[in-house]
Amino acid sequence: MTNGTLIRDGRAVTLRVTEPLLRDFVESMICMEADLARRWMDAQTLSSFPGAE
């Protein structure tokens, strides 16, 4: 069992995570964010070449 705390608007809420579900969700979101950032940079790089449109 893992204990954790979420903070929003200066208010802390103590959590007790009994399953790896939350951790898996956060890891998935991190991977998707990294992939989106990579694809965004690729798109920006490609569009910066003359005649790319």
C-alpha atoms as a PDB file:
ATOM      1  CA  MET A   1       0.000   0.000   0.000  1.00  0.00           C
ATOM      2  CA  THR A   2       1.256   3.465  -0.899  1.00  0.00           C
ATOM      3  CA  ASN A   3       0.285   6.724   0.763  1.00  0.00           C
ATOM      4  CA  GLY A   4       0.286   9.966  -1.158  1.00  0.00           C
ATOM      5  CA  THR A   5      -0.999  13.506  -1.098  1.00  0.00           C
ATOM      6  CA  LEU A   6      -2.722  15.556  -3.768  1.00  0.00           C
ATOM      7  CA  ILE A   7      -2.607  19.329  -3.475  1.00  0.00           C
ATOM      8  CA  ARG A   8      -4.991  21.649  -5.292  1.00  0.00           C
ATOM      9  CA  ASP A   9      -5.678  25.278  -4.577  1.00  0.00           C
ATOM     10  CA  GLY A  10      -3.500  25.008  -1.489  1.00  0.00           C
ATOM     11  CA  ARG A  11      -5.569  22.168  -0.020  1.00  0.00           C
ATOM     12  CA  ALA A  12      -3.931  18.812   0.641  1.00  0.00           C
ATOM     13  CA  VAL A  13      -5.846  15.537   0.373  1.00  0.00           C
ATOM     14  CA  THR A  14      -4.160  12.408   1.705  1.00  0.00           C
ATOM     15  CA  LEU A  15      -4.651   9.371  -0.502  1.00  0.00           C
ATOM     16  CA  ARG A  16      -4.174   5.700   0.105  1.00  0.00           C
ATOM     17  CA  VAL A  17      -3.475   3.945  -3.194  1.00  0.00           C
ATOM     18  CA  THR A  18      -4.138   0.219  -2.927  1.00  0.00           C
ATOM     19  CA  GLU A  19      -3.763  -0.663  -6.619  1.00  0.00           C
ATOM     20  CA  PRO A  20      -1.164   0.194  -9.259  1.00  0.00           C
ATOM     21  CA  LEU A  21      -3.970   1.621 -11.422  1.00  0.00           C
ATOM     22  CA  LEU A  22      -3.201   5.256 -10.619  1.00  0.00           C
ATOM     23  CA  ARG A  23       0.530   4.759 -11.210  1.00  0.00           C
ATOM     24  CA  ASP A  24      -0.157   3.049 -14.552  1.00  0.00           C
ATOM     25  CA  PHE A  25      -2.444   5.916 -15.578  1.00  0.00           C
ATOM     26  CA  VAL A  26       0.153   8.556 -14.722  1.00  0.00           C
ATOM     27  CA  GLU A  27       2.896   6.644 -16.564  1.00  0.00           C
ATOM     28  CA  SER A  28       0.643   6.353 -19.620  1.00  0.00           C
ATOM     29  CA  MET A  29      -0.087  10.083 -19.552  1.00  0.00           C
ATOM     30  CA  ILE A  30       3.648  10.858 -19.305  1.00  0.00           C
ATOM     31  CA  CYS A  31       4.357   8.626 -22.324  1.00  0.00           C
ATOM     32  CA  MET A  32       1.577  10.224 -24.354  1.00  0.00           C
ATOM     33  CA  GLU A  33       2.788  13.708 -23.445  1.00  0.00           C
ATOM     34  CA  ALA A  34       6.349  12.846 -24.492  1.00  0.00           C
ATOM     35  CA  ASP A  35       5.104  11.364 -27.784  1.00  0.00           C
ATOM     36  CA  LEU A  36       2.949  14.414 -28.493  1.00  0.00           C
ATOM     37  CA  ALA A  37       5.859  16.761 -27.741  1.00  0.00           C
ATOM     38  CA  ARG A  38       8.131  14.760 -30.050  1.00  0.00           C
ATOM     39  CA  ARG A  39       5.577  14.786 -32.880  1.00  0.00           C
ATOM     40  CA  TRP A  40       4.920  18.508 -32.359  1.00  0.00           C
ATOM     41  CA  MET A  41       8.640  19.263 -32.655  1.00  0.00           C
ATOM     42  CA  ASP A  42       8.888  17.066 -35.768  1.00  0.00           C
ATOM     43  CA  ALA A  43       5.973  18.934 -37.351  1.00  0.00           C
ATOM     44  CA  GLN A  44       7.503  22.310 -36.477  1.00  0.00           C
ATOM     45  CA  THR A  45      10.873  21.250 -37.931  1.00  0.00           C
ATOM     46  CA  LEU A  46       9.329  19.995 -41.162  1.00  0.00           C
ATOM     47  CA  SER A  47       7.260  23.144 -41.661  1.00  0.00           C
ATOM     48  CA  SER A  48      10.320  25.374 -41.228  1.00  0.00           C
ATOM     49  CA  PHE A  49      11.868  24.168 -44.510  1.00  0.00           C
ATOM     50  CA  PRO A  50      11.125  26.271 -47.610  1.00  0.00           C
ATOM     51  CA  GLY A  51       8.563  24.666 -49.900  1.00  0.00           C
ATOM     52  CA  ALA A  52       7.382  22.252 -47.231  1.00  0.00           C
ATOM     53  CA  GLU A  53       3.771  23.378 -47.588  1.00  0.00           C
END
